[in-house]
């Protein structure tokens, strides 16, 4: 199966996705019919503003938020990538690398 990708773009320094992003993700996740026991990789870019440390802290809070949106049975790995798109979290289904 080809990995499927979902992205959630955050705004400012919040760790909660904007309503439109949350609604779009939930709709896309449901439509994708992702298996409950699937493996996913959640990658976050740096959070907006502040020092590199503050950006990493915000990214990690966003990772936890996005993980909480997925079924508990999903096998999810979380990764912070300072080179990834800022304020963006990507969920890749079926990819653990």
Protein backbone atom coordinates (compact mmCIF):
# COMPACT_ATOMS: atom_id res chain seq x y z
CA UNK A 1 0.00 0.00 0.00
CA UNK A 2 1.13 3.52 -0.81
CA UNK A 3 1.72 5.69 2.26
CA UNK A 4 -0.93 8.34 2.79
CA UNK A 5 -0.07 11.78 4.10
CA UNK A 6 -2.03 14.35 6.06
CA UNK A 7 -0.85 17.80 7.09
CA UNK A 8 -2.05 20.18 9.76
CA UNK A 9 -0.81 23.77 9.64
CA UNK A 10 -0.77 25.66 12.93
CA UNK A 11 -0.90 29.41 13.42
CA UNK A 12 1.12 31.62 15.74
CA UNK A 13 2.36 30.08 18.95
CA UNK A 14 -0.63 27.88 19.74
CA UNK A 15 -0.41 24.11 20.11
CA UNK A 16 -4.03 23.66 18.96
CA UNK A 17 -4.83 23.48 15.24
CA UNK A 18 -7.18 26.08 13.76
CA UNK A 19 -10.77 24.80 13.49
CA UNK A 20 -10.66 24.62 9.68
CA UNK A 21 -7.43 22.57 9.77
CA UNK A 22 -8.83 20.25 12.43
CA UNK A 23 -12.08 19.73 10.54
CA UNK A 24 -10.24 19.10 7.25
CA UNK A 25 -7.91 16.58 8.89
CA UNK A 26 -10.73 14.71 10.64
CA UNK A 27 -12.71 14.51 7.40
CA UNK A 28 -9.69 13.30 5.40
CA UNK A 29 -8.70 10.75 8.09
CA UNK A 30 -12.22 9.32 8.16
CA UNK A 31 -12.41 9.20 4.34
CA UNK A 32 -9.04 7.39 4.18
CA UNK A 33 -10.42 4.55 6.32
CA UNK A 34 -7.09 4.09 8.07
CA UNK A 35 -6.86 0.79 9.95
CA UNK A 36 -6.94 1.12 13.74
CA UNK A 37 -3.68 -0.77 14.19
CA UNK A 38 -1.74 0.97 11.45
CA UNK A 39 1.70 2.51 11.86
CA UNK A 40 2.15 6.24 11.38
CA UNK A 41 4.99 8.74 11.57
CA UNK A 42 4.12 12.19 12.90
CA UNK A 43 6.69 14.86 12.01
CA UNK A 44 6.62 18.45 13.22
CA UNK A 45 8.56 21.44 12.00
CA UNK A 46 9.67 24.25 14.30
CA UNK A 47 7.02 26.34 16.00
CA UNK A 48 6.71 30.01 15.12
CA UNK A 49 8.94 32.64 16.69
CA UNK A 50 11.21 32.59 19.70
CA UNK A 51 14.49 30.81 20.23
CA UNK A 52 15.34 27.44 18.72
CA UNK A 53 14.53 25.89 22.11
CA UNK A 54 11.09 27.57 22.23
CA UNK A 55 10.40 26.44 18.66
CA UNK A 56 11.27 22.84 19.58
CA UNK A 57 9.09 22.96 22.72
CA UNK A 58 6.11 24.23 20.72
CA UNK A 59 6.69 21.60 18.03
CA UNK A 60 6.69 18.87 20.68
CA UNK A 61 3.43 20.15 22.18
CA UNK A 62 1.95 20.10 18.66
CA UNK A 63 3.16 16.52 18.19
CA UNK A 64 1.33 15.48 21.36
CA UNK A 65 -1.80 17.34 20.25
CA UNK A 66 -1.83 15.64 16.85
CA UNK A 67 -1.14 12.24 18.42
CA UNK A 68 -4.19 12.76 20.63
CA UNK A 69 -6.34 13.22 17.50
CA UNK A 70 -5.50 9.69 16.32
CA UNK A 71 -7.08 6.48 17.64
CA UNK A 72 -5.19 5.15 20.68
CA UNK A 73 -4.63 1.84 18.87
CA UNK A 74 -2.55 3.48 16.12
CA UNK A 75 1.18 2.79 16.44
CA UNK A 76 2.56 6.33 16.14
CA UNK A 77 6.13 7.55 16.22
CA UNK A 78 6.73 11.24 16.77
CA UNK A 79 9.66 13.18 15.36
CA UNK A 80 10.74 16.81 15.56
CA UNK A 81 12.61 17.99 12.47
CA UNK A 82 14.01 21.54 12.70
CA UNK A 83 14.47 21.50 8.90
CA UNK A 84 10.81 20.65 8.23
CA UNK A 85 8.21 23.23 7.18
CA UNK A 86 7.62 25.62 10.12
CA UNK A 87 4.26 25.42 11.91
CA UNK A 88 3.38 22.20 10.08
CA UNK A 89 2.76 18.67 11.34
CA UNK A 90 2.66 15.80 8.83
CA UNK A 91 1.17 12.38 9.47
CA UNK A 92 2.37 9.63 7.14
CA UNK A 93 0.40 6.40 7.26
CA UNK A 94 2.29 3.17 6.72
CA UNK A 95 5.76 4.73 7.02
CA UNK A 96 7.89 4.33 10.10
CA UNK A 97 11.24 5.56 8.70
